[in-house]
Amino acid sequence: MKICRYICLLFFILALFPAGAQNYSSGGGPHFTCSGVFYDLGGNSNYSNNQSYTTTICPSTAGQGIQMVFTAFNVEAGFDFLSVYDGNSTSAPMLPGSSFSGTTLPGTLTATSINTSGCLTFRFYSDGGNTRAGWRANILCAPKATYPTNISQQDCSGAATICGNQSLSGTSLGPGAFNDVNSGLGNIGCLNNYASNPNRSAEHQSHWYYFSPSASGTIGMTIAPSSATTDYDWAIWGPYTSIPCPPTSAPLRCSAAAAANSTGGATGLGNGAADTDEGSGGNGWVAPLNVVAGQKYILMMDNWNATSAPYTLSWQLSGGASLNCSLLPIELISFTGSQEKDFNRIEWVTSAESNLDFFTVERSLDGLEWESIYTTPGKNIRHVNTAYEFADYGFTGNAINYYRLKQTDKDGTLAYSETVSIENKAALKTRVENIHPNPTSGNLFFDLYTGTKSQASVQIVDVTGKVVKDETLLLEPGKNELMADTKGLGEGIYLMKVYLDKAEFNYTAKFIRN
C-alpha cells in the first residue's frame, strides 16, 4: 500500500507540473520563457487576502509574443482582480477586456503588435474578504496579435475631448471592451459600493470624456438624465499633464448617489455641496473644482441601472474658467521600434486625434542630427485608437539607429515623441529573388530588395550577346515587385541582367521563352 501511495503521489505531481515546464507563481520578473505554467501564489490552495503583486513574463524567442492559455480561473467576483498589461510593466497599455474577476475563463491572451518587448505583465489584487482557488494558464510563444483599433467612447482610451463650454448630450449602451474602473486598479473610489456586477467592474453603461481648462477658475457641472428614475453615477480623475488610460488612482470627485436622492435624478459638481465624494446615500452633489489652465482631467459617467436613457451634460463656470480642446492634442499611447529580417518596424498608436495635420518619422545615428524618412497624414479619428506603421529599409547597418516621431498640427504647432533605439547588425542586402514564371510565355516577374531609392537597369540579352530589351525601373527602399518586358521575343534561352545605379550590384539570371 505504501508503494501505491508513493506512485499515486508521483503521478499526481507529474499531472500538475508537466515534465520540462517551468512554473511561475511569484511576483517579479521578467521571466524569459516559451513554455510552462503560470498560476496564483496559492498554488494548489486558495490565494491569500490583501495580496498585491505583479509578474512579468517575456518570450525567450525574439520577435514572438507571450501567449497565455487559461485552463482555470476563480477569483472573488467584483473584489479580486487579475489585470493584464501589453508590455513589460504596468505602464504599458492594458489588453482589451483585460481586468478579470469571477469564474469566467479569460481564454487566450496574446501580446499585440504595438508591444516591442512581446512581454505580458500581470497585476493581481485581492481584498480582505473571501479567497478563491485562483488560476492556471499555459505559457506559449506565438506571433503577436493585431492591436485593436475599435475602442469606443465606452472605454477610457476612446474618450471624446470636450471642446468648449457648451452643453452636450449622449447615450451609452454598454461598458466597452475594457474594465477601466475596478478595485484592482485602485481607481474605483466611491463607486465601490456596487462593483459586484456582471461586468466585474464599476461600469454598466458608461461614457468617457477628457477636458482641460483653457483659463483658470472654478468648474461646476450638471448631469441631467432624461428620466428621473435613471441613476447616473460618475467620477473625475486628475489633474494630469498627460492623460493615463485607465487611471490608476482614486477619483478627485465622485458620486454614486441614488437617483431618488435628488430632483429629477440630477447629479454633478456644485449646488452648494462641500464634500468631494459620496456613496449611494448621497444627495447627488459634490464640491466644484478649482482648476488651473492646462490641467487635464478624465470624466466617466455610468448609467448604473442600465436603462439606455440619454443624458445632458452642462457646465457652470465661474472665476474666469473656460474649457477648450486646443490644449488636448493627440494622446500618443505608444511609439515603438523593433528589428525584423530586412527592416526596422516603427509603430505608434494614438487616441483622440484632433486638429492633426501629419506625422513625420525621423532617424538619427547619434541622437543629435535627425533626418526625415517618412511622412503620413493624420487620420483625426477622435473616438477610437488609431494605429500607424512604417518599415524602414534604409537603416544603417552595424550601428544603433535612433527614431523619433514629429507631430505637426494644422496650426503649425510641433511636438516630438520620446526616442527609441534599435541596434542593427548588417544593413539590408541588395538582392533579386523569386524570378517567375520560368519558362515563360509572357513577361518575367521578380522581386528586388534595396535599402535606398534608386534606379535599376534591366536588360534582356539573347544567346549571341545582343541586348534585345533595355529599360529603367524606379526603386523604393524595401521590396520592389518588378516586371521585365519580354513581349515580341522568340522562343529560346535568354539572360536577364539587373544593374543598380547607386550600388555596386549586378545580377544575371537565365530564363527560357516558350
Protein backbone atom coordinates (compact mmCIF):
# COMPACT_ATOMS: atom_id res chain seq x y z
CA MET A 1 0.00 0.00 0.00
CA LYS A 2 2.89 2.39 0.76
CA ILE A 3 4.31 1.76 -2.72
CA CYS A 4 0.94 2.55 -4.27
CA ARG A 5 0.68 5.75 -2.26
CA TYR A 6 4.10 6.90 -3.43
CA ILE A 7 3.38 6.01 -7.06
CA CYS A 8 -0.03 7.70 -6.94
CA LEU A 9 1.50 10.81 -5.39
CA LEU A 10 4.18 10.88 -8.08
CA PHE A 11 1.61 10.67 -10.88
CA PHE A 12 -0.42 13.44 -9.21
CA ILE A 13 2.61 15.75 -9.09
CA LEU A 14 3.51 14.97 -12.71
CA ALA A 15 -0.04 15.78 -13.78
CA LEU A 16 0.15 19.15 -12.08
CA PHE A 17 3.58 20.09 -13.40
CA PRO A 18 4.37 18.70 -16.87
CA ALA A 19 7.91 17.47 -17.49
CA GLY A 20 10.29 20.14 -18.74
CA ALA A 21 7.88 23.00 -17.98
CA GLN A 22 8.86 25.75 -15.58
CA ASN A 23 6.11 27.08 -13.32
CA TYR A 24 5.67 30.74 -12.40
CA SER A 25 3.65 31.92 -9.45
CA SER A 26 5.54 34.61 -7.54
CA GLY A 27 5.70 38.28 -8.46
CA GLY A 28 8.64 39.88 -10.15
CA GLY A 29 10.44 39.08 -13.34
CA PRO A 30 10.84 39.45 -16.14
CA HIS A 31 10.89 35.69 -16.65
CA PHE A 32 12.01 34.68 -20.16
CA THR A 33 10.34 31.51 -21.44
CA CYS A 34 8.16 29.98 -24.13
CA SER A 35 6.72 27.17 -22.01
CA GLY A 36 5.48 26.44 -18.53
CA VAL A 37 2.51 27.19 -16.32
CA PHE A 38 1.52 30.49 -14.72
CA TYR A 39 -0.60 30.32 -11.57
CA ASP A 40 -1.51 32.36 -8.49
CA LEU A 41 0.56 32.42 -5.28
CA GLY A 42 -1.76 29.92 -3.64
CA GLY A 43 -0.55 27.12 -5.89
CA ASN A 44 -2.85 24.16 -5.26
CA SER A 45 -4.60 26.05 -2.43
CA ASN A 46 -6.53 29.31 -2.33
CA TYR A 47 -4.59 32.55 -2.70
CA SER A 48 -4.45 34.84 0.36
CA ASN A 49 -6.22 38.05 1.34
CA ASN A 50 -4.67 41.50 0.81
CA GLN A 51 -2.30 40.48 -1.97
CA SER A 52 -0.98 42.99 -4.49
CA TYR A 53 1.86 41.99 -6.81
CA THR A 54 2.95 41.99 -10.44
CA THR A 55 4.54 39.28 -12.59
CA THR A 56 6.15 39.90 -15.99
CA ILE A 57 6.70 37.06 -18.44
CA CYS A 58 8.63 37.64 -21.69
CA PRO A 59 9.29 35.47 -24.76
CA SER A 60 12.62 33.69 -24.97
CA THR A 61 12.23 33.65 -28.77
CA ALA A 62 12.99 37.00 -30.43
CA GLY A 63 10.15 38.60 -32.37
CA GLN A 64 7.46 36.45 -30.74
CA GLY A 65 4.88 37.45 -28.16
CA ILE A 66 3.84 35.74 -24.94
CA GLN A 67 0.55 33.86 -25.22
CA MET A 68 -1.38 32.70 -22.15
CA VAL A 69 -3.99 29.97 -22.48
CA PHE A 70 -6.06 29.90 -19.28
CA THR A 71 -7.29 26.48 -18.19
CA ALA A 72 -8.76 27.52 -14.81
CA PHE A 73 -9.88 30.80 -13.27
CA ASN A 74 -11.69 31.50 -9.99
CA VAL A 75 -11.24 34.76 -8.03
CA GLU A 76 -13.76 36.60 -5.86
CA ALA A 77 -16.13 38.36 -8.28
CA GLY A 78 -16.09 42.15 -8.13
CA PHE A 79 -13.45 42.36 -5.39
CA ASP A 80 -10.32 40.47 -6.53
CA PHE A 81 -8.84 41.22 -9.97
CA LEU A 82 -6.17 39.99 -12.35
CA SER A 83 -5.23 42.82 -14.77
CA VAL A 84 -3.07 42.23 -17.86
CA TYR A 85 -0.77 44.84 -19.44
CA ASP A 86 0.52 44.63 -23.02
CA GLY A 87 4.21 45.11 -22.25
CA ASN A 88 6.99 44.63 -19.71
CA SER A 89 5.48 46.82 -16.95
CA THR A 90 2.19 48.23 -15.68
CA SER A 91 2.96 51.46 -17.57
CA ALA A 92 2.10 49.62 -20.81
CA PRO A 93 -1.50 49.82 -22.13
CA MET A 94 -3.90 47.17 -20.90
CA LEU A 95 -5.15 44.45 -23.21
CA PRO A 96 -8.83 44.86 -24.20
CA GLY A 97 -11.13 43.39 -21.57
CA SER A 98 -8.07 42.54 -19.52
CA SER A 99 -9.14 43.03 -15.92
CA PHE A 100 -10.61 39.69 -14.86
CA SER A 101 -12.73 38.74 -11.87
CA GLY A 102 -15.16 35.91 -11.09
CA THR A 103 -15.11 32.47 -12.66
CA THR A 104 -15.24 33.15 -16.41
CA LEU A 105 -12.10 31.89 -18.17
CA PRO A 106 -10.05 34.72 -19.70
CA GLY A 107 -9.39 32.42 -22.65
CA THR A 108 -6.25 33.03 -24.72
CA LEU A 109 -4.33 36.30 -24.27
CA THR A 110 -1.54 37.30 -26.68
CA ALA A 111 0.87 40.25 -26.75
CA THR A 112 -0.03 42.62 -29.58
CA SER A 113 1.76 44.28 -32.48
CA ILE A 114 2.35 47.55 -30.56
CA ASN A 115 4.31 45.62 -27.94
CA THR A 116 8.03 45.75 -28.79
CA SER A 117 9.06 43.52 -25.89
CA GLY A 118 6.45 40.81 -26.54
CA CYS A 119 6.01 40.53 -22.75
CA LEU A 120 2.79 40.42 -20.75
CA THR A 121 2.63 41.87 -17.22
CA PHE A 122 0.05 40.60 -14.74
CA ARG A 123 -1.11 42.57 -11.69
CA PHE A 124 -3.12 40.69 -9.08
CA TYR A 125 -5.11 42.34 -6.31
CA SER A 126 -7.17 40.68 -3.55
CA ASP A 127 -9.11 42.48 -0.81
CA GLY A 128 -9.55 41.42 2.81
CA GLY A 129 -12.68 39.31 2.21
CA ASN A 130 -13.07 35.89 0.67
CA THR A 131 -10.43 33.98 -1.29
CA ARG A 132 -10.76 31.51 -4.15
CA ALA A 133 -8.77 28.82 -5.98
CA GLY A 134 -7.05 31.31 -8.33
CA TRP A 135 -5.94 30.42 -11.86
CA ARG A 136 -3.72 28.32 -14.10
CA ALA A 137 -2.55 29.24 -17.60
CA ASN A 138 -0.22 27.54 -20.07
CA ILE A 139 2.62 29.74 -21.34
CA LEU A 140 3.40 29.75 -25.07
CA CYS A 141 5.16 31.97 -27.59
CA ALA A 142 3.26 32.96 -30.73
CA PRO A 143 3.14 35.64 -33.45
CA LYS A 144 1.89 38.92 -32.00
CA ALA A 145 -1.81 39.69 -32.33
CA THR A 146 -3.09 42.75 -34.21
CA TYR A 147 -3.71 45.65 -31.84
CA PRO A 148 -7.45 46.51 -31.81
CA THR A 149 -8.45 49.88 -33.22
CA ASN A 150 -12.17 49.69 -32.48
CA ILE A 151 -12.04 51.12 -28.97
CA SER A 152 -15.23 53.12 -28.38
CA GLN A 153 -16.21 56.06 -26.19
CA GLN A 154 -17.34 53.48 -23.65
CA ASP A 155 -13.62 52.99 -22.87
CA CYS A 156 -11.13 55.45 -21.41
CA SER A 157 -8.83 55.16 -24.42
CA GLY A 158 -11.68 56.15 -26.75
CA ALA A 159 -12.85 59.15 -24.71
CA ALA A 160 -14.22 62.18 -26.53
CA THR A 161 -12.47 65.51 -25.96
CA ILE A 162 -14.76 68.28 -24.67
CA CYS A 163 -14.04 71.24 -26.91
CA GLY A 164 -15.83 74.14 -25.22
CA ASN A 165 -18.28 75.40 -22.62
CA GLN A 166 -21.42 74.24 -24.41
CA SER A 167 -23.79 71.51 -23.22
CA LEU A 168 -23.68 68.09 -24.85
CA SER A 169 -25.88 65.01 -24.91
CA GLY A 170 -25.12 61.32 -25.11
CA THR A 171 -26.36 57.77 -24.67
CA SER A 172 -24.30 54.75 -23.69
CA LEU A 173 -25.29 51.15 -24.34
CA GLY A 174 -22.59 49.20 -22.52
CA PRO A 175 -19.29 49.05 -20.60
CA GLY A 176 -16.96 48.83 -23.61
CA ALA A 177 -14.07 46.43 -24.21
CA PHE A 178 -12.08 47.39 -21.09
CA ASN A 179 -12.97 47.08 -17.41
CA ASP A 180 -11.44 50.50 -16.82
CA VAL A 181 -12.79 51.02 -13.28
CA ASN A 182 -12.18 48.31 -10.68
CA SER A 183 -10.59 47.71 -7.31
CA GLY A 184 -7.55 46.06 -8.87
CA LEU A 185 -6.56 49.35 -10.49
CA GLY A 186 -7.14 51.33 -7.30
CA ASN A 187 -9.33 53.82 -9.19
CA ILE A 188 -12.84 52.86 -8.15
CA GLY A 189 -13.37 55.49 -5.44
CA CYS A 190 -16.96 55.92 -4.21
CA LEU A 191 -18.23 53.59 -6.95
CA ASN A 192 -17.08 50.57 -4.94
CA ASN A 193 -20.46 50.06 -3.30
CA TYR A 194 -21.82 48.49 -6.46
CA ALA A 195 -18.73 46.99 -8.05
CA SER A 196 -20.06 43.40 -7.93
CA ASN A 197 -21.98 43.14 -11.19
CA PRO A 198 -21.92 41.05 -14.38
CA ASN A 199 -19.16 43.15 -15.91
CA ARG A 200 -16.98 42.75 -12.80
CA SER A 201 -16.28 46.48 -12.70
CA ALA A 202 -17.95 49.75 -11.78
CA GLU A 203 -19.18 50.23 -15.35
CA HIS A 204 -22.62 49.30 -16.63
CA GLN A 205 -23.41 51.76 -19.44
CA SER A 206 -20.50 54.18 -19.38
CA HIS A 207 -19.21 57.18 -21.35
CA TRP A 208 -15.74 58.72 -21.06
CA TYR A 209 -14.57 62.29 -21.69
CA TYR A 210 -11.37 64.32 -21.48
CA PHE A 211 -11.48 68.01 -20.62
CA SER A 212 -8.99 70.77 -19.92
CA PRO A 213 -9.47 74.36 -18.74
CA SER A 214 -8.13 76.92 -21.20
CA ALA A 215 -8.47 79.54 -18.43
CA SER A 216 -8.22 79.10 -14.66
CA GLY A 217 -11.25 79.33 -12.39
CA THR A 218 -13.98 77.14 -10.89
CA ILE A 219 -15.85 74.37 -12.72
CA GLY A 220 -19.32 73.16 -11.86
CA MET A 221 -21.23 70.53 -13.83
CA THR A 222 -24.73 69.05 -14.08
CA ILE A 223 -25.59 65.59 -15.43
CA ALA A 224 -29.33 65.51 -16.11
CA PRO A 225 -30.83 62.14 -17.18
CA SER A 226 -33.86 62.12 -19.47
CA SER A 227 -35.74 60.11 -16.82
CA ALA A 228 -35.81 60.93 -13.09
CA THR A 229 -35.52 57.21 -12.28
CA THR A 230 -32.28 56.75 -14.24
CA ASP A 231 -29.32 56.57 -11.87
CA TYR A 232 -26.22 58.24 -13.33
CA ASP A 233 -23.06 57.89 -11.23
CA TRP A 234 -19.74 59.42 -12.16
CA ALA A 235 -16.10 60.11 -11.27
CA ILE A 236 -13.43 62.67 -12.25
CA TRP A 237 -9.69 61.86 -12.14
CA GLY A 238 -6.84 64.35 -12.36
CA PRO A 239 -5.27 66.77 -12.68
CA TYR A 240 -2.76 65.38 -15.18
CA THR A 241 -0.14 66.75 -17.53
CA SER A 242 -0.55 63.66 -19.74
CA ILE A 243 -3.72 61.59 -19.57
CA PRO A 244 -3.31 57.94 -18.47
CA CYS A 245 -5.83 55.30 -19.52
CA PRO A 246 -7.08 53.75 -17.41
CA PRO A 247 -6.47 55.99 -14.38
CA THR A 248 -4.67 54.22 -11.53
CA SER A 249 -5.58 56.38 -8.54
CA ALA A 250 -8.71 57.35 -6.64
CA PRO A 251 -11.03 59.93 -8.25
CA LEU A 252 -10.71 63.62 -7.39
CA ARG A 253 -14.52 63.89 -7.36
CA CYS A 254 -17.03 61.04 -7.21
CA SER A 255 -20.77 60.48 -6.74
CA ALA A 256 -22.62 57.17 -6.54
CA ALA A 257 -25.84 58.73 -5.17
CA ALA A 258 -29.16 57.03 -5.89
CA ALA A 259 -31.36 58.83 -8.43
CA ALA A 260 -34.19 59.27 -5.92
CA ASN A 261 -32.00 61.41 -3.67
CA SER A 262 -32.03 64.48 -5.96
CA THR A 263 -34.57 66.37 -8.03
CA GLY A 264 -35.01 64.68 -11.40
CA GLY A 265 -32.09 62.35 -10.72
CA ALA A 266 -29.66 65.21 -11.48
CA THR A 267 -26.09 64.94 -10.17
CA GLY A 268 -22.80 66.75 -10.55
CA LEU A 269 -20.44 69.42 -9.17
CA GLY A 270 -21.91 72.33 -7.21
CA ASN A 271 -25.38 73.06 -5.85
CA GLY A 272 -23.81 74.23 -2.58
CA ALA A 273 -22.00 70.93 -1.87
CA ALA A 274 -18.73 70.87 0.10
CA ASP A 275 -17.95 67.11 0.13
CA THR A 276 -15.72 65.54 -2.53
CA ASP A 277 -17.26 62.07 -2.82
CA GLU A 278 -20.44 60.27 -1.79
CA GLY A 279 -21.90 56.78 -1.86
CA SER A 280 -25.42 55.68 -2.75
CA GLY A 281 -26.86 57.61 0.21
CA GLY A 282 -25.53 60.97 -1.03
CA ASN A 283 -27.66 63.80 -2.41
CA GLY A 284 -26.10 63.71 -5.90
CA TRP A 285 -23.83 66.75 -5.48
CA VAL A 286 -20.17 67.24 -4.52
CA ALA A 287 -17.94 70.32 -4.39
CA PRO A 288 -16.94 72.20 -7.59
CA LEU A 289 -13.38 72.03 -8.91
CA ASN A 290 -10.86 74.86 -8.70
CA VAL A 291 -8.75 74.41 -11.85
CA VAL A 292 -5.64 75.85 -13.47
CA ALA A 293 -5.27 76.41 -17.21
CA GLY A 294 -3.61 73.48 -18.98
CA GLN A 295 -4.53 70.82 -16.42
CA LYS A 296 -6.14 67.69 -17.87
CA TYR A 297 -8.95 65.59 -16.43
CA ILE A 298 -10.84 62.37 -17.13
CA LEU A 299 -14.62 62.14 -16.61
CA MET A 300 -16.53 58.83 -16.58
CA MET A 301 -20.33 58.76 -16.38
CA ASP A 302 -22.17 55.49 -15.75
CA ASN A 303 -25.86 54.59 -16.13
CA TRP A 304 -25.99 52.31 -13.10
CA ASN A 305 -29.40 50.72 -13.75
CA ALA A 306 -28.61 50.27 -17.47
CA THR A 307 -31.81 51.83 -18.84
CA SER A 308 -30.11 53.14 -22.03
CA ALA A 309 -31.64 56.54 -21.18
CA PRO A 310 -29.79 59.58 -22.63
CA TYR A 311 -28.35 62.43 -20.57
CA THR A 312 -27.41 66.07 -20.93
CA LEU A 313 -24.09 67.31 -19.56
CA SER A 314 -23.84 71.06 -18.92
CA TRP A 315 -21.17 73.26 -17.32
CA GLN A 316 -21.38 76.01 -14.73
CA LEU A 317 -18.14 78.00 -15.00
CA SER A 318 -17.07 80.87 -12.76
CA GLY A 319 -13.97 82.83 -11.79
CA GLY A 320 -12.91 83.08 -15.43
CA ALA A 321 -12.80 79.33 -16.11
CA SER A 322 -13.19 78.16 -19.69
CA LEU A 323 -12.86 74.79 -21.48
CA ASN A 324 -11.12 74.31 -24.79
CA CYS A 325 -9.89 71.20 -26.60
CA SER A 326 -6.92 73.04 -28.14
CA LEU A 327 -4.93 72.14 -25.02
CA LEU A 328 -5.61 68.45 -25.61
CA PRO A 329 -3.62 67.37 -28.71
CA ILE A 330 -3.39 63.72 -29.70
CA GLU A 331 -2.63 61.28 -26.94
CA LEU A 332 0.30 59.13 -28.03
CA ILE A 333 -0.43 55.76 -26.43
CA SER A 334 2.76 54.13 -27.68
CA PHE A 335 5.76 54.67 -30.00
CA THR A 336 7.88 51.56 -30.51
CA GLY A 337 10.53 50.09 -32.78
CA SER A 338 11.66 46.55 -33.50
CA GLN A 339 14.18 44.88 -35.79
CA GLU A 340 12.83 42.50 -38.43
CA LYS A 341 14.71 40.43 -41.01
CA ASP A 342 15.31 43.20 -43.56
CA PHE A 343 13.92 46.33 -41.94
CA ASN A 344 13.19 48.23 -38.75
CA ARG A 345 9.50 48.29 -37.89
CA ILE A 346 8.27 51.60 -36.41
CA GLU A 347 4.77 51.59 -34.89
CA TRP A 348 2.67 54.07 -32.97
CA VAL A 349 -0.87 54.26 -31.62
CA THR A 350 -2.80 57.44 -30.89
CA SER A 351 -6.05 58.34 -29.17
CA ALA A 352 -8.38 61.32 -29.59
CA GLU A 353 -6.70 62.90 -32.63
CA SER A 354 -7.91 66.44 -33.31
CA ASN A 355 -6.55 69.25 -35.50
CA LEU A 356 -3.68 66.97 -36.57
CA ASP A 357 -2.02 67.64 -39.94
CA PHE A 358 0.66 64.96 -40.35
CA PHE A 359 3.29 62.76 -38.68
CA THR A 360 6.97 62.59 -39.61
CA VAL A 361 9.28 59.72 -38.65
CA GLU A 362 12.84 60.95 -38.13
CA ARG A 363 16.03 58.87 -37.90
CA SER A 364 19.45 59.62 -36.40
CA LEU A 365 22.76 57.83 -35.82
CA ASP A 366 23.83 59.97 -32.86
CA GLY A 367 20.57 61.26 -31.38
CA LEU A 368 21.57 64.82 -32.34
CA GLU A 369 21.34 65.15 -36.11
CA TRP A 370 17.97 63.99 -37.48
CA GLU A 371 16.67 63.30 -40.99
CA SER A 372 13.04 62.92 -42.07
CA ILE A 373 12.45 59.49 -43.62
CA TYR A 374 8.65 59.13 -43.74
CA THR A 375 5.58 61.38 -43.64
CA THR A 376 1.93 60.34 -43.32
CA PRO A 377 -1.22 62.44 -42.80
CA GLY A 378 -3.12 62.19 -39.53
CA LYS A 379 -6.47 60.41 -39.58
CA ASN A 380 -8.12 62.72 -37.00
CA ILE A 381 -10.27 59.96 -35.54
CA ARG A 382 -11.34 61.10 -32.08
CA HIS A 383 -13.30 58.18 -30.65
CA VAL A 384 -11.07 55.16 -31.39
CA ASN A 385 -7.42 54.26 -31.05
CA THR A 386 -5.57 54.72 -34.34
CA ALA A 387 -2.57 52.57 -35.31
CA TYR A 388 0.25 53.55 -37.69
CA GLU A 389 3.20 51.55 -39.05
CA PHE A 390 6.32 52.23 -41.13
CA ALA A 391 9.01 49.85 -42.39
CA ASP A 392 12.49 51.43 -42.59
CA TYR A 393 14.62 49.50 -45.09
CA GLY A 394 17.22 52.28 -45.27
CA PHE A 395 18.69 51.93 -41.79
CA THR A 396 22.47 51.92 -41.26
CA GLY A 397 23.96 48.51 -40.57
CA ASN A 398 26.37 47.74 -37.71
CA ALA A 399 25.09 50.77 -35.80
CA ILE A 400 22.41 51.95 -33.39
CA ASN A 401 19.60 53.69 -35.27
CA TYR A 402 17.53 56.21 -33.29
CA TYR A 403 13.94 57.14 -34.17
CA ARG A 404 11.50 59.79 -33.02
CA LEU A 405 8.03 60.90 -34.12
CA LYS A 406 7.27 64.51 -35.00
CA GLN A 407 3.64 65.65 -34.86
CA THR A 408 2.61 68.70 -36.89
CA ASP A 409 -0.79 70.23 -36.14
CA LYS A 410 -2.81 72.25 -38.65
CA ASP A 411 -1.82 75.49 -36.93
CA GLY A 412 1.88 74.62 -37.37
CA THR A 413 2.46 73.55 -33.76
CA LEU A 414 5.14 70.84 -33.44
CA ALA A 415 5.51 68.10 -30.82
CA TYR A 416 8.00 65.23 -30.53
CA SER A 417 7.81 61.76 -29.06
CA GLU A 418 10.41 60.11 -26.91
CA THR A 419 13.31 58.49 -28.79
CA VAL A 420 13.53 54.74 -29.41
CA SER A 421 16.72 52.96 -30.45
CA ILE A 422 17.32 49.79 -32.45
CA GLU A 423 20.75 48.18 -32.52
CA ASN A 424 21.26 46.79 -36.01
CA LYS A 425 23.76 44.38 -37.46
CA ALA A 426 24.15 44.24 -41.24
CA ALA A 427 22.03 46.57 -43.36
CA LEU A 428 19.59 45.25 -45.95
CA LYS A 429 21.49 43.33 -48.64
CA THR A 430 20.56 44.29 -52.20
CA ARG A 431 19.33 41.12 -53.92
CA VAL A 432 16.99 39.64 -56.54
CA GLU A 433 14.58 36.86 -55.62
CA ASN A 434 11.50 35.00 -56.82
CA ILE A 435 12.02 35.09 -60.62
CA HIS A 436 8.87 33.63 -62.17
CA PRO A 437 7.47 32.05 -64.24
CA ASN A 438 10.42 30.27 -65.81
CA PRO A 439 9.92 29.09 -68.55
CA THR A 440 7.57 31.92 -69.54
CA SER A 441 5.31 32.63 -72.50
CA GLY A 442 4.68 36.19 -71.27
CA ASN A 443 6.52 38.68 -69.09
CA LEU A 444 9.04 37.79 -66.39
CA PHE A 445 8.42 38.88 -62.79
CA PHE A 446 10.90 39.21 -59.92
CA ASP A 447 11.46 40.87 -56.51
CA LEU A 448 14.35 43.29 -55.94
CA TYR A 449 15.31 44.33 -52.39
CA THR A 450 17.31 47.51 -51.75
CA GLY A 451 17.84 49.90 -48.86
CA THR A 452 17.69 53.17 -50.83
CA LYS A 453 15.73 54.98 -53.51
CA SER A 454 17.47 54.29 -56.80
CA GLN A 455 17.08 53.11 -60.38
CA ALA A 456 17.57 49.67 -61.85
CA SER A 457 18.60 48.97 -65.43
CA VAL A 458 17.03 45.71 -66.62
CA GLN A 459 18.42 44.19 -69.82
CA ILE A 460 17.38 41.11 -71.80
CA VAL A 461 20.30 39.53 -73.72
CA ASP A 462 19.99 36.77 -76.33
CA VAL A 463 22.43 33.88 -76.91
CA THR A 464 24.56 35.97 -79.27
CA GLY A 465 25.15 38.59 -76.57
CA LYS A 466 22.87 41.15 -78.19
CA VAL A 467 20.81 43.38 -75.87
CA VAL A 468 17.24 42.95 -77.16
CA LYS A 469 15.42 44.77 -74.31
CA ASP A 470 16.63 47.59 -72.08
CA GLU A 471 14.51 49.54 -69.60
CA THR A 472 14.96 51.61 -66.45
CA LEU A 473 12.80 50.95 -63.37
CA LEU A 474 12.43 53.20 -60.29
CA LEU A 475 13.08 51.58 -56.91
CA GLU A 476 11.84 52.38 -53.43
CA PRO A 477 13.58 51.20 -50.23
CA GLY A 478 12.50 47.68 -49.38
CA LYS A 479 10.87 45.04 -51.54
CA ASN A 480 10.15 46.09 -55.14
CA GLU A 481 7.88 43.77 -57.16
CA LEU A 482 9.09 44.27 -60.75
CA MET A 483 8.41 43.04 -64.29
CA ALA A 484 10.79 42.50 -67.20
CA ASP A 485 9.16 43.05 -70.59
CA THR A 486 9.67 40.03 -72.88
CA LYS A 487 6.99 40.82 -75.45
CA GLY A 488 7.96 40.07 -79.02
CA LEU A 489 10.80 37.73 -78.14
CA GLY A 490 11.06 34.44 -79.97
CA GLU A 491 11.41 31.09 -78.30
CA GLY A 492 14.80 30.35 -76.84
CA ILE A 493 17.23 30.93 -73.98
CA TYR A 494 17.86 34.47 -72.69
CA LEU A 495 19.69 36.24 -69.89
CA MET A 496 18.14 38.88 -67.66
CA LYS A 497 20.73 41.33 -66.30
CA VAL A 498 19.98 43.80 -63.49
CA TYR A 499 22.22 46.79 -62.62
CA LEU A 500 21.71 49.43 -59.89
CA ASP A 501 22.95 52.97 -60.35
CA LYS A 502 23.58 53.70 -56.64
CA ALA A 503 25.08 50.40 -55.57
CA GLU A 504 27.84 48.14 -56.82
CA PHE A 505 25.34 45.48 -57.72
CA ASN A 506 24.68 43.44 -60.82
CA TYR A 507 22.74 40.25 -61.23
CA THR A 508 22.30 37.77 -64.08
CA ALA A 509 19.71 35.02 -64.41
CA LYS A 510 18.89 32.64 -67.28
CA PHE A 511 15.32 32.08 -68.41
CA ILE A 512 13.51 30.31 -71.21
CA ARG A 513 10.95 31.93 -73.51
CA ASN A 514 8.45 29.43 -74.96
